[in-house]
């Protein structure tokens, strides 16, 4: 098991929100994470589309797993999302986070949330502060 997989497992032990989302890992590598979830009824807003906060949360989970995949604790200090298309109940979504720039203290990531065909629904960009403490320590 690689370091990114170990970090994911450790984080998921107490990440009750990601557990509730039903997140499944697809790719777990240093600086790169792809996860999957299915849109559930309780995730919908009053217009029967995925609530924006849930879409953000899903992208944020991929962001968290990717940014912590180096083994050091990383916490979000900035994040923004663009909503391009609405997801509906039963849609299977993937969130893929990739590192753009990693320094000793900060790192920037892009996250695309897409359907099974790769059509992008939401775009997220975030920055983390990288602590010196280890995730597994």
N, C-alpha and C. Protein backbone atom coordinates (compact mmCIF):
# COMPACT_ATOMS: atom_id res chain seq x y z
N UNK A 1 0.85 -1.18 0.00
CA UNK A 1 0.00 0.00 0.00
C UNK A 1 0.89 1.24 0.00
N UNK A 2 0.65 2.16 -0.95
CA UNK A 2 1.47 3.37 -1.02
C UNK A 2 1.08 4.38 0.07
N UNK A 3 1.88 5.42 0.22
CA UNK A 3 1.65 6.42 1.26
C UNK A 3 0.29 7.11 1.09
N UNK A 4 -0.07 7.45 -0.14
CA UNK A 4 -1.35 8.12 -0.39
C UNK A 4 -2.52 7.25 0.05
N UNK A 5 -2.44 5.95 -0.18
CA UNK A 5 -3.50 5.02 0.25
C UNK A 5 -3.56 4.94 1.77
N UNK A 6 -2.40 4.91 2.42
CA UNK A 6 -2.35 4.87 3.88
C UNK A 6 -2.96 6.15 4.47
N UNK A 7 -2.64 7.29 3.87
CA UNK A 7 -3.18 8.58 4.34
C UNK A 7 -4.69 8.60 4.16
N UNK A 8 -5.18 8.17 2.99
CA UNK A 8 -6.62 8.12 2.73
C UNK A 8 -7.33 7.29 3.80
N UNK A 9 -6.81 6.10 4.06
CA UNK A 9 -7.43 5.21 5.06
C UNK A 9 -7.45 5.84 6.44
N UNK A 10 -6.36 6.48 6.82
CA UNK A 10 -6.27 7.13 8.13
C UNK A 10 -7.27 8.29 8.22
N UNK A 11 -7.34 9.10 7.18
CA UNK A 11 -8.26 10.24 7.19
C UNK A 11 -9.72 9.77 7.21
N UNK A 12 -10.02 8.73 6.45
CA UNK A 12 -11.41 8.24 6.34
C UNK A 12 -11.92 7.64 7.65
N UNK A 13 -11.01 7.22 8.53
CA UNK A 13 -11.43 6.65 9.82
C UNK A 13 -12.36 7.60 10.57
N UNK A 14 -12.07 8.92 10.51
CA UNK A 14 -12.85 9.90 11.26
C UNK A 14 -13.48 10.96 10.36
N UNK A 15 -13.42 10.77 9.04
CA UNK A 15 -14.03 11.72 8.11
C UNK A 15 -15.47 11.29 7.87
N UNK A 16 -16.32 11.61 8.84
CA UNK A 16 -17.71 11.16 8.82
C UNK A 16 -18.49 11.79 7.67
N UNK A 17 -18.10 12.96 7.25
CA UNK A 17 -18.76 13.61 6.11
C UNK A 17 -18.47 12.84 4.82
N UNK A 18 -17.21 12.53 4.56
CA UNK A 18 -16.87 11.76 3.37
C UNK A 18 -17.49 10.36 3.41
N UNK A 19 -17.58 9.80 4.62
CA UNK A 19 -18.26 8.50 4.76
C UNK A 19 -19.72 8.64 4.36
N UNK A 20 -20.39 9.71 4.84
CA UNK A 20 -21.79 9.93 4.52
C UNK A 20 -22.00 10.13 3.02
N UNK A 21 -21.05 10.80 2.36
CA UNK A 21 -21.13 10.99 0.92
C UNK A 21 -21.05 9.66 0.17
N UNK A 22 -20.49 8.64 0.81
CA UNK A 22 -20.34 7.34 0.16
C UNK A 22 -19.14 7.30 -0.78
N UNK A 23 -18.12 8.05 -0.45
CA UNK A 23 -16.93 8.16 -1.29
C UNK A 23 -16.20 6.83 -1.43
N UNK A 24 -15.83 6.52 -2.67
CA UNK A 24 -15.01 5.35 -2.97
C UNK A 24 -13.74 5.84 -3.67
N UNK A 25 -12.57 5.33 -3.27
CA UNK A 25 -11.33 5.74 -3.94
C UNK A 25 -11.17 5.05 -5.29
N UNK A 26 -10.68 5.78 -6.27
CA UNK A 26 -10.38 5.23 -7.60
C UNK A 26 -8.87 5.29 -7.83
N UNK A 27 -8.29 6.48 -7.63
CA UNK A 27 -6.84 6.68 -7.76
C UNK A 27 -6.35 7.40 -6.51
N UNK A 28 -5.32 6.86 -5.87
CA UNK A 28 -4.70 7.50 -4.71
C UNK A 28 -3.19 7.47 -4.93
N UNK A 29 -2.64 8.62 -5.30
CA UNK A 29 -1.21 8.76 -5.56
C UNK A 29 -0.74 10.07 -4.96
N UNK A 30 0.56 10.23 -4.86
CA UNK A 30 1.10 11.49 -4.35
C UNK A 30 0.67 12.65 -5.25
N UNK A 31 -0.06 13.60 -4.67
CA UNK A 31 -0.48 14.78 -5.41
C UNK A 31 -1.63 14.56 -6.38
N UNK A 32 -2.25 13.39 -6.33
CA UNK A 32 -3.33 13.06 -7.28
C UNK A 32 -4.33 12.12 -6.61
N UNK A 33 -5.59 12.48 -6.73
CA UNK A 33 -6.64 11.67 -6.13
C UNK A 33 -7.86 11.70 -7.03
N UNK A 34 -8.48 10.55 -7.22
CA UNK A 34 -9.75 10.48 -7.93
C UNK A 34 -10.69 9.64 -7.08
N UNK A 35 -11.84 10.22 -6.75
CA UNK A 35 -12.83 9.53 -5.92
C UNK A 35 -14.17 9.53 -6.64
N UNK A 36 -15.07 8.70 -6.13
CA UNK A 36 -16.37 8.50 -6.78
C UNK A 36 -17.47 8.56 -5.73
N UNK A 37 -18.64 9.08 -6.14
CA UNK A 37 -19.84 9.03 -5.29
C UNK A 37 -21.08 9.03 -6.18
N UNK A 38 -22.17 8.56 -5.63
CA UNK A 38 -23.46 8.60 -6.31
C UNK A 38 -24.34 9.62 -5.61
N UNK A 39 -24.99 10.48 -6.40
CA UNK A 39 -25.86 11.52 -5.84
C UNK A 39 -27.10 10.86 -5.24
N UNK A 40 -27.30 11.10 -3.94
CA UNK A 40 -28.44 10.55 -3.20
C UNK A 40 -29.52 11.61 -3.04
N UNK A 41 -30.74 11.15 -2.80
CA UNK A 41 -31.89 12.04 -2.66
C UNK A 41 -31.66 13.13 -1.61
N UNK A 42 -31.06 12.75 -0.48
CA UNK A 42 -30.85 13.71 0.60
C UNK A 42 -29.75 14.74 0.29
N UNK A 43 -29.13 14.65 -0.89
CA UNK A 43 -28.12 15.61 -1.33
C UNK A 43 -28.72 16.69 -2.24
N UNK A 44 -30.02 16.58 -2.54
CA UNK A 44 -30.65 17.48 -3.49
C UNK A 44 -31.17 18.75 -2.82
N UNK A 45 -31.23 19.83 -3.60
CA UNK A 45 -31.84 21.06 -3.11
C UNK A 45 -33.31 21.11 -3.52
N UNK A 46 -33.96 22.24 -3.34
CA UNK A 46 -35.39 22.38 -3.63
C UNK A 46 -35.75 22.29 -5.09
N UNK A 47 -34.75 22.28 -5.97
CA UNK A 47 -34.99 22.15 -7.42
C UNK A 47 -34.63 20.76 -7.93
N UNK A 48 -34.44 19.82 -7.00
CA UNK A 48 -34.11 18.43 -7.33
C UNK A 48 -32.78 18.28 -8.08
N UNK A 49 -31.84 19.19 -7.77
CA UNK A 49 -30.48 19.07 -8.29
C UNK A 49 -29.52 19.04 -7.12
N UNK A 50 -28.30 18.56 -7.37
CA UNK A 50 -27.31 18.46 -6.30
C UNK A 50 -27.09 19.82 -5.66
N UNK A 51 -27.21 19.86 -4.34
CA UNK A 51 -27.00 21.09 -3.57
C UNK A 51 -25.56 21.56 -3.80
N UNK A 52 -25.40 22.86 -4.04
CA UNK A 52 -24.07 23.41 -4.29
C UNK A 52 -23.08 23.13 -3.18
N UNK A 53 -23.57 23.14 -1.95
CA UNK A 53 -22.69 22.86 -0.81
C UNK A 53 -22.18 21.43 -0.81
N UNK A 54 -23.00 20.51 -1.29
CA UNK A 54 -22.59 19.11 -1.37
C UNK A 54 -21.57 18.93 -2.50
N UNK A 55 -21.81 19.61 -3.63
CA UNK A 55 -20.86 19.56 -4.75
C UNK A 55 -19.49 20.08 -4.28
N UNK A 56 -19.50 21.19 -3.53
CA UNK A 56 -18.27 21.76 -3.00
C UNK A 56 -17.60 20.78 -2.02
N UNK A 57 -18.42 20.17 -1.19
CA UNK A 57 -17.90 19.23 -0.20
C UNK A 57 -17.22 18.04 -0.86
N UNK A 58 -17.83 17.52 -1.92
CA UNK A 58 -17.25 16.39 -2.65
C UNK A 58 -15.90 16.77 -3.24
N UNK A 59 -15.83 17.95 -3.89
CA UNK A 59 -14.56 18.42 -4.44
C UNK A 59 -13.54 18.65 -3.33
N UNK A 60 -14.00 19.19 -2.22
CA UNK A 60 -13.12 19.48 -1.09
C UNK A 60 -12.53 18.19 -0.51
N UNK A 61 -13.30 17.12 -0.52
CA UNK A 61 -12.78 15.83 -0.04
C UNK A 61 -11.64 15.35 -0.93
N UNK A 62 -11.81 15.42 -2.25
CA UNK A 62 -10.73 15.03 -3.16
C UNK A 62 -9.50 15.91 -2.94
N UNK A 63 -9.74 17.20 -2.76
CA UNK A 63 -8.69 18.18 -2.48
C UNK A 63 -7.93 17.79 -1.21
N UNK A 64 -8.67 17.42 -0.18
CA UNK A 64 -8.04 17.04 1.10
C UNK A 64 -7.19 15.78 0.96
N UNK A 65 -7.74 14.77 0.30
CA UNK A 65 -6.98 13.52 0.15
C UNK A 65 -5.73 13.73 -0.69
N UNK A 66 -5.83 14.50 -1.76
CA UNK A 66 -4.66 14.76 -2.62
C UNK A 66 -3.61 15.60 -1.91
N UNK A 67 -4.05 16.63 -1.19
CA UNK A 67 -3.08 17.53 -0.55
C UNK A 67 -2.39 16.89 0.65
N UNK A 68 -3.03 15.93 1.27
CA UNK A 68 -2.42 15.22 2.40
C UNK A 68 -1.63 13.99 1.95
N UNK A 69 -1.71 13.65 0.68
CA UNK A 69 -1.10 12.42 0.15
C UNK A 69 0.42 12.40 0.25
N UNK A 70 1.04 13.54 0.50
CA UNK A 70 2.49 13.61 0.66
C UNK A 70 2.92 13.17 2.05
N UNK A 71 1.94 13.01 2.96
CA UNK A 71 2.24 12.54 4.30
C UNK A 71 2.21 13.61 5.36
N UNK A 72 2.26 14.89 4.96
CA UNK A 72 2.19 15.98 5.92
C UNK A 72 0.76 16.49 6.00
N UNK A 73 0.35 16.90 7.20
CA UNK A 73 -1.00 17.44 7.38
C UNK A 73 -1.13 18.73 6.59
N UNK A 74 -2.18 18.78 5.76
CA UNK A 74 -2.46 19.95 4.93
C UNK A 74 -3.89 20.38 5.19
N UNK A 75 -4.09 21.67 5.46
CA UNK A 75 -5.44 22.20 5.73
C UNK A 75 -5.74 23.33 4.76
N UNK A 76 -6.99 23.37 4.33
CA UNK A 76 -7.42 24.35 3.34
C UNK A 76 -7.35 25.78 3.89
N UNK A 77 -6.82 26.69 3.08
CA UNK A 77 -6.84 28.11 3.43
C UNK A 77 -7.59 28.93 2.38
N UNK A 78 -7.93 28.30 1.26
CA UNK A 78 -8.69 28.99 0.22
C UNK A 78 -9.29 27.97 -0.73
N UNK A 79 -10.49 28.27 -1.21
CA UNK A 79 -11.13 27.39 -2.19
C UNK A 79 -12.24 28.13 -2.90
N UNK A 80 -12.36 27.86 -4.20
CA UNK A 80 -13.42 28.47 -5.00
C UNK A 80 -13.93 27.46 -6.01
N UNK A 81 -15.23 27.53 -6.31
CA UNK A 81 -15.82 26.58 -7.24
C UNK A 81 -16.66 27.30 -8.28
N UNK A 82 -16.59 26.77 -9.50
CA UNK A 82 -17.45 27.20 -10.60
C UNK A 82 -18.41 26.07 -10.90
N UNK A 83 -19.69 26.41 -11.02
CA UNK A 83 -20.74 25.43 -11.27
C UNK A 83 -21.13 25.51 -12.75
N UNK A 84 -20.83 24.46 -13.51
CA UNK A 84 -21.08 24.46 -14.95
C UNK A 84 -22.35 23.72 -15.35
N UNK A 85 -22.66 22.66 -14.63
CA UNK A 85 -23.80 21.81 -14.98
C UNK A 85 -24.34 21.21 -13.69
N UNK A 86 -25.64 20.93 -13.64
CA UNK A 86 -26.26 20.40 -12.43
C UNK A 86 -26.34 18.87 -12.45
N UNK A 87 -25.96 18.27 -11.33
CA UNK A 87 -26.10 16.82 -11.18
C UNK A 87 -27.45 16.51 -10.57
N UNK A 88 -27.96 15.32 -10.87
CA UNK A 88 -29.28 14.90 -10.39
C UNK A 88 -29.17 13.59 -9.62
N UNK A 89 -30.23 13.25 -8.92
CA UNK A 89 -30.26 12.01 -8.15
C UNK A 89 -29.90 10.81 -9.03
N UNK A 90 -29.02 9.97 -8.52
CA UNK A 90 -28.59 8.78 -9.24
C UNK A 90 -27.36 8.98 -10.10
N UNK A 91 -26.98 10.25 -10.36
CA UNK A 91 -25.77 10.50 -11.15
C UNK A 91 -24.55 10.00 -10.39
N UNK A 92 -23.65 9.36 -11.11
CA UNK A 92 -22.37 8.93 -10.54
C UNK A 92 -21.35 10.00 -10.91
N UNK A 93 -20.74 10.57 -9.90
CA UNK A 93 -19.76 11.65 -10.10
C UNK A 93 -18.37 11.21 -9.66
N UNK A 94 -17.38 11.78 -10.32
CA UNK A 94 -15.98 11.56 -9.97
C UNK A 94 -15.36 12.92 -9.69
N UNK A 95 -14.55 13.01 -8.65
CA UNK A 95 -13.79 14.22 -8.35
C UNK A 95 -12.32 13.87 -8.47
N UNK A 96 -11.63 14.56 -9.37
CA UNK A 96 -10.22 14.30 -9.59
C UNK A 96 -9.40 15.53 -9.23
N UNK A 97 -8.54 15.38 -8.23
CA UNK A 97 -7.70 16.47 -7.74
C UNK A 97 -6.26 16.24 -8.21
N UNK A 98 -5.64 17.32 -8.70
CA UNK A 98 -4.26 17.25 -9.16
C UNK A 98 -3.48 18.45 -8.64
N UNK A 99 -2.27 18.19 -8.17
CA UNK A 99 -1.41 19.26 -7.67
C UNK A 99 -0.95 20.15 -8.82
N UNK A 100 -0.99 21.45 -8.59
CA UNK A 100 -0.48 22.42 -9.56
C UNK A 100 0.89 22.94 -9.15
N UNK A 101 1.02 23.25 -7.85
CA UNK A 101 2.24 23.83 -7.31
C UNK A 101 2.35 23.43 -5.85
N UNK A 102 3.47 22.83 -5.47
CA UNK A 102 3.68 22.40 -4.09
C UNK A 102 4.97 23.00 -3.58
N UNK A 103 4.86 23.78 -2.49
CA UNK A 103 6.05 24.33 -1.84
C UNK A 103 6.12 23.75 -0.43
N UNK A 104 7.11 24.16 0.32
CA UNK A 104 7.25 23.62 1.67
C UNK A 104 6.04 23.93 2.54
N UNK A 105 5.47 25.14 2.41
CA UNK A 105 4.38 25.58 3.29
C UNK A 105 2.99 25.60 2.64
N UNK A 106 2.91 25.68 1.32
CA UNK A 106 1.60 25.74 0.67
C UNK A 106 1.56 24.83 -0.55
N UNK A 107 0.35 24.58 -1.03
CA UNK A 107 0.17 23.82 -2.27
C UNK A 107 -1.15 24.23 -2.90
N UNK A 108 -1.15 24.27 -4.24
CA UNK A 108 -2.35 24.61 -5.00
C UNK A 108 -2.81 23.39 -5.79
N UNK A 109 -4.14 23.20 -5.83
CA UNK A 109 -4.72 22.05 -6.51
C UNK A 109 -5.92 22.46 -7.35
N UNK A 110 -6.11 21.76 -8.45
CA UNK A 110 -7.33 21.85 -9.24
C UNK A 110 -8.11 20.56 -9.03
N UNK A 111 -9.43 20.68 -8.94
CA UNK A 111 -10.31 19.52 -8.83
C UNK A 111 -11.41 19.67 -9.87
N UNK A 112 -11.56 18.67 -10.72
CA UNK A 112 -12.67 18.62 -11.65
C UNK A 112 -13.65 17.56 -11.17
N UNK A 113 -14.92 17.94 -11.10
CA UNK A 113 -15.98 16.99 -10.76
C UNK A 113 -16.73 16.71 -12.05
N UNK A 114 -16.77 15.43 -12.43
CA UNK A 114 -17.31 15.06 -13.73
C UNK A 114 -18.20 13.83 -13.64
N UNK A 115 -18.94 13.57 -14.71
CA UNK A 115 -19.76 12.37 -14.78
C UNK A 115 -18.92 11.21 -15.34
N UNK A 116 -19.56 10.08 -15.56
CA UNK A 116 -18.85 8.88 -16.03
C UNK A 116 -18.25 9.06 -17.42
N UNK A 117 -18.81 9.98 -18.21
CA UNK A 117 -18.30 10.23 -19.55
C UNK A 117 -17.18 11.28 -19.57
N UNK A 118 -16.86 11.83 -18.41
CA UNK A 118 -15.81 12.83 -18.32
C UNK A 118 -16.28 14.26 -18.53
N UNK A 119 -17.59 14.47 -18.64
CA UNK A 119 -18.14 15.81 -18.79
C UNK A 119 -18.04 16.54 -17.46
N UNK A 120 -17.40 17.71 -17.46
CA UNK A 120 -17.16 18.45 -16.22
C UNK A 120 -18.41 19.19 -15.78
N UNK A 121 -18.81 18.96 -14.53
CA UNK A 121 -19.96 19.62 -13.92
C UNK A 121 -19.50 20.79 -13.03
N UNK A 122 -18.42 20.59 -12.30
CA UNK A 122 -17.94 21.59 -11.34
C UNK A 122 -16.41 21.66 -11.41
N UNK A 123 -15.87 22.88 -11.28
CA UNK A 123 -14.41 23.09 -11.24
C UNK A 123 -14.08 23.77 -9.92
N UNK A 124 -13.09 23.22 -9.25
CA UNK A 124 -12.67 23.73 -7.93
C UNK A 124 -11.18 24.02 -7.99
N UNK A 125 -10.76 25.11 -7.36
CA UNK A 125 -9.33 25.39 -7.17
C UNK A 125 -9.12 25.78 -5.72
N UNK A 126 -8.11 25.17 -5.10
CA UNK A 126 -7.87 25.45 -3.70
C UNK A 126 -6.40 25.50 -3.34
N UNK A 127 -6.14 26.11 -2.20
CA UNK A 127 -4.80 26.22 -1.64
C UNK A 127 -4.82 25.67 -0.22
N UNK A 128 -3.78 24.92 0.11
CA UNK A 128 -3.63 24.41 1.47
C UNK A 128 -2.37 24.97 2.12
N UNK A 129 -2.43 25.02 3.45
CA UNK A 129 -1.25 25.28 4.27
C UNK A 129 -0.74 23.92 4.70
N UNK A 130 0.55 23.67 4.48
CA UNK A 130 1.16 22.38 4.81
C UNK A 130 1.89 22.48 6.15
N UNK A 131 1.38 21.79 7.15
CA UNK A 131 2.01 21.77 8.47
C UNK A 131 3.23 20.86 8.45
N UNK A 132 4.05 20.94 9.47
CA UNK A 132 5.20 20.04 9.52
C UNK A 132 4.84 18.69 10.14
N UNK A 133 3.70 18.61 10.80
CA UNK A 133 3.26 17.35 11.44
C UNK A 133 2.85 16.32 10.36
N UNK A 134 3.11 15.07 10.69
CA UNK A 134 2.79 13.96 9.78
C UNK A 134 1.37 13.47 9.98
N UNK A 135 0.70 13.10 8.90
CA UNK A 135 -0.66 12.53 8.98
C UNK A 135 -0.65 11.23 9.76
N UNK A 136 0.33 10.39 9.51
CA UNK A 136 0.38 9.06 10.11
C UNK A 136 1.16 9.04 11.42
N UNK A 137 1.68 10.20 11.82
CA UNK A 137 2.53 10.27 13.01
C UNK A 137 1.81 10.23 14.33
